[in-house]
Structures are given as structure tokens and as C-alpha cells.
Amino acid sequence: MKVIYDPEVDVLRIVFNDTPIEESNEDKPGVILDYDASGNIVGIEILDASKHVNNPRLLEHIVMA
């Protein structure tokens, strides 16, 4: 999994795997879901991320045991 923030366009992208994107849908305004050819979600994009995330440059990684 990768988390990418591009401050130039203010987009936060969460990539679950490197499967090619076949289709993208804007589920809610500013939230784009990316799907592979089988309909599985492979990523999420949040447009205008700084308006929706407290600090898009900060990443906290928590693994629950």
C-alpha cells in the first residue's frame, strides 16, 4: 500500500496495489474510487485534500495485532 500526497494539485492518493486501473468513479464529490478489470478497488483519490484531512503531509501508521 502507498500513500501519496501531491501538494501542487492538493490530491491525496491511497494505492492498495499496483493492478492497472480499468475504471474510476467519483463516489462522492471529491472522492474518486479506482477499480481494476474485475471490479476490485485498487485506490482512492481525495481531491482538495487539505480541506478534508487535518495534515495531508503527516502519515501515522498503526498496525493492530
N, C-alpha and C. Protein backbone atom coordinates (compact mmCIF):
# COMPACT_ATOMS: atom_id res chain seq x y z
N MET A 1 0.85 -1.17 0.00
CA MET A 1 0.00 0.00 0.00
C MET A 1 0.89 1.23 0.00
N LYS A 2 0.48 2.24 -0.77
CA LYS A 2 1.21 3.51 -0.82
C LYS A 2 0.24 4.65 -0.54
N VAL A 3 0.76 5.67 0.13
CA VAL A 3 0.00 6.90 0.34
C VAL A 3 0.83 8.02 -0.27
N ILE A 4 0.23 8.75 -1.21
CA ILE A 4 0.93 9.78 -1.95
C ILE A 4 0.15 11.08 -1.83
N TYR A 5 0.84 12.14 -1.42
CA TYR A 5 0.21 13.46 -1.38
C TYR A 5 0.96 14.38 -2.32
N ASP A 6 0.25 15.00 -3.24
CA ASP A 6 0.84 15.96 -4.18
C ASP A 6 0.33 17.34 -3.82
N PRO A 7 1.16 18.15 -3.15
CA PRO A 7 0.70 19.47 -2.70
C PRO A 7 0.44 20.44 -3.84
N GLU A 8 1.05 20.22 -4.99
CA GLU A 8 0.84 21.13 -6.13
C GLU A 8 -0.60 21.09 -6.62
N VAL A 9 -1.22 19.92 -6.58
CA VAL A 9 -2.61 19.79 -7.01
C VAL A 9 -3.54 19.47 -5.84
N ASP A 10 -2.97 19.34 -4.64
CA ASP A 10 -3.71 19.07 -3.40
C ASP A 10 -4.55 17.79 -3.50
N VAL A 11 -3.89 16.71 -3.95
CA VAL A 11 -4.55 15.41 -4.09
C VAL A 11 -3.84 14.39 -3.21
N LEU A 12 -4.63 13.67 -2.42
CA LEU A 12 -4.13 12.57 -1.60
C LEU A 12 -4.58 11.28 -2.26
N ARG A 13 -3.64 10.39 -2.52
CA ARG A 13 -3.96 9.13 -3.19
C ARG A 13 -3.51 7.97 -2.33
N ILE A 14 -4.39 7.02 -2.12
CA ILE A 14 -4.08 5.78 -1.42
C ILE A 14 -4.15 4.66 -2.44
N VAL A 15 -3.04 3.98 -2.65
CA VAL A 15 -2.94 2.90 -3.63
C VAL A 15 -2.85 1.58 -2.88
N PHE A 16 -3.80 0.71 -3.09
CA PHE A 16 -3.83 -0.58 -2.39
C PHE A 16 -2.95 -1.62 -3.05
N ASN A 17 -2.86 -1.58 -4.38
CA ASN A 17 -1.97 -2.49 -5.11
C ASN A 17 -1.67 -1.89 -6.48
N ASP A 18 -0.74 -2.50 -7.20
CA ASP A 18 -0.29 -1.95 -8.48
C ASP A 18 -1.06 -2.51 -9.67
N THR A 19 -2.22 -3.08 -9.44
CA THR A 19 -3.05 -3.57 -10.53
C THR A 19 -3.48 -2.39 -11.40
N PRO A 20 -3.45 -2.53 -12.71
CA PRO A 20 -3.86 -1.42 -13.58
C PRO A 20 -5.31 -0.98 -13.32
N ILE A 21 -5.53 0.32 -13.39
CA ILE A 21 -6.86 0.89 -13.19
C ILE A 21 -7.65 0.75 -14.48
N GLU A 22 -8.81 0.16 -14.37
CA GLU A 22 -9.69 -0.02 -15.53
C GLU A 22 -10.78 1.05 -15.57
N GLU A 23 -11.22 1.47 -14.37
CA GLU A 23 -12.33 2.41 -14.29
C GLU A 23 -12.19 3.25 -13.02
N SER A 24 -12.64 4.49 -13.10
CA SER A 24 -12.65 5.39 -11.93
C SER A 24 -14.02 6.03 -11.84
N ASN A 25 -14.53 6.14 -10.62
CA ASN A 25 -15.83 6.77 -10.39
C ASN A 25 -15.72 7.74 -9.23
N GLU A 26 -16.34 8.90 -9.39
CA GLU A 26 -16.39 9.87 -8.29
C GLU A 26 -17.59 9.49 -7.43
N ASP A 27 -17.31 8.74 -6.35
CA ASP A 27 -18.35 8.21 -5.47
C ASP A 27 -19.10 9.34 -4.77
N LYS A 28 -18.39 10.22 -4.17
CA LYS A 28 -18.92 11.43 -3.53
C LYS A 28 -18.12 12.60 -4.11
N PRO A 29 -18.62 13.81 -4.04
CA PRO A 29 -17.84 14.93 -4.59
C PRO A 29 -16.44 14.98 -3.99
N GLY A 30 -15.42 14.90 -4.85
CA GLY A 30 -14.04 14.98 -4.41
C GLY A 30 -13.42 13.67 -3.97
N VAL A 31 -14.16 12.56 -4.05
CA VAL A 31 -13.63 11.24 -3.67
C VAL A 31 -13.75 10.32 -4.88
N ILE A 32 -12.61 9.91 -5.43
CA ILE A 32 -12.59 9.08 -6.62
C ILE A 32 -12.12 7.68 -6.25
N LEU A 33 -12.89 6.69 -6.62
CA LEU A 33 -12.54 5.30 -6.38
C LEU A 33 -12.04 4.69 -7.68
N ASP A 34 -10.89 4.02 -7.64
CA ASP A 34 -10.31 3.38 -8.81
C ASP A 34 -10.50 1.87 -8.71
N TYR A 35 -10.90 1.25 -9.83
CA TYR A 35 -11.20 -0.18 -9.87
C TYR A 35 -10.35 -0.88 -10.93
N ASP A 36 -10.07 -2.16 -10.70
CA ASP A 36 -9.38 -2.97 -11.71
C ASP A 36 -10.42 -3.58 -12.65
N ALA A 37 -9.98 -4.40 -13.58
CA ALA A 37 -10.86 -5.00 -14.58
C ALA A 37 -11.91 -5.93 -13.96
N SER A 38 -11.63 -6.47 -12.77
CA SER A 38 -12.58 -7.36 -12.09
C SER A 38 -13.54 -6.62 -11.18
N GLY A 39 -13.41 -5.29 -11.10
CA GLY A 39 -14.28 -4.51 -10.24
C GLY A 39 -13.79 -4.35 -8.82
N ASN A 40 -12.56 -4.78 -8.55
CA ASN A 40 -11.97 -4.63 -7.21
C ASN A 40 -11.39 -3.24 -7.06
N ILE A 41 -11.55 -2.65 -5.89
CA ILE A 41 -11.00 -1.32 -5.64
C ILE A 41 -9.48 -1.42 -5.51
N VAL A 42 -8.78 -0.57 -6.22
CA VAL A 42 -7.31 -0.58 -6.17
C VAL A 42 -6.75 0.73 -5.64
N GLY A 43 -7.59 1.76 -5.51
CA GLY A 43 -7.10 3.02 -4.98
C GLY A 43 -8.21 4.01 -4.72
N ILE A 44 -7.86 5.04 -3.95
CA ILE A 44 -8.77 6.12 -3.62
C ILE A 44 -8.02 7.43 -3.80
N GLU A 45 -8.68 8.41 -4.42
CA GLU A 45 -8.11 9.74 -4.54
C GLU A 45 -9.03 10.72 -3.82
N ILE A 46 -8.43 11.63 -3.06
CA ILE A 46 -9.19 12.68 -2.38
C ILE A 46 -8.72 14.01 -2.96
N LEU A 47 -9.62 14.68 -3.67
CA LEU A 47 -9.32 15.98 -4.26
C LEU A 47 -9.45 17.06 -3.19
N ASP A 48 -8.71 18.15 -3.34
CA ASP A 48 -8.70 19.23 -2.34
C ASP A 48 -8.45 18.65 -0.96
N ALA A 49 -7.45 17.79 -0.87
CA ALA A 49 -7.17 17.03 0.35
C ALA A 49 -6.98 17.90 1.58
N SER A 50 -6.34 19.04 1.43
CA SER A 50 -6.07 19.88 2.61
C SER A 50 -7.35 20.42 3.23
N LYS A 51 -8.46 20.38 2.51
CA LYS A 51 -9.75 20.80 3.05
C LYS A 51 -10.44 19.68 3.83
N HIS A 52 -9.99 18.43 3.62
CA HIS A 52 -10.67 17.28 4.21
C HIS A 52 -9.81 16.51 5.22
N VAL A 53 -8.51 16.72 5.18
CA VAL A 53 -7.58 15.99 6.04
C VAL A 53 -6.82 17.03 6.88
N ASN A 54 -6.71 16.79 8.18
CA ASN A 54 -6.05 17.76 9.06
C ASN A 54 -4.67 18.15 8.55
N ASN A 55 -3.83 17.18 8.24
CA ASN A 55 -2.49 17.45 7.71
C ASN A 55 -2.15 16.35 6.70
N PRO A 56 -2.40 16.60 5.41
CA PRO A 56 -2.16 15.56 4.42
C PRO A 56 -0.70 15.16 4.27
N ARG A 57 0.22 15.94 4.83
CA ARG A 57 1.64 15.60 4.76
C ARG A 57 2.07 14.67 5.90
N LEU A 58 1.20 14.49 6.89
CA LEU A 58 1.52 13.66 8.05
C LEU A 58 0.90 12.28 7.86
N LEU A 59 1.70 11.25 8.07
CA LEU A 59 1.20 9.88 7.93
C LEU A 59 1.48 9.14 9.23
N GLU A 60 0.45 8.60 9.82
CA GLU A 60 0.60 7.77 11.02
C GLU A 60 0.26 6.34 10.62
N HIS A 61 1.15 5.44 10.91
CA HIS A 61 0.98 4.04 10.52
C HIS A 61 0.71 3.23 11.78
N ILE A 62 -0.44 2.61 11.85
CA ILE A 62 -0.82 1.82 13.03
C ILE A 62 -1.18 0.41 12.58
N VAL A 63 -0.57 -0.58 13.17
CA VAL A 63 -0.86 -1.97 12.88
C VAL A 63 -1.45 -2.59 14.15
N MET A 64 -2.65 -3.07 14.04
CA MET A 64 -3.31 -3.70 15.19
C MET A 64 -2.93 -5.19 15.21
N ALA A 65 -2.57 -5.68 16.35
CA ALA A 65 -2.19 -7.10 16.47
C ALA A 65 -3.36 -7.96 16.77
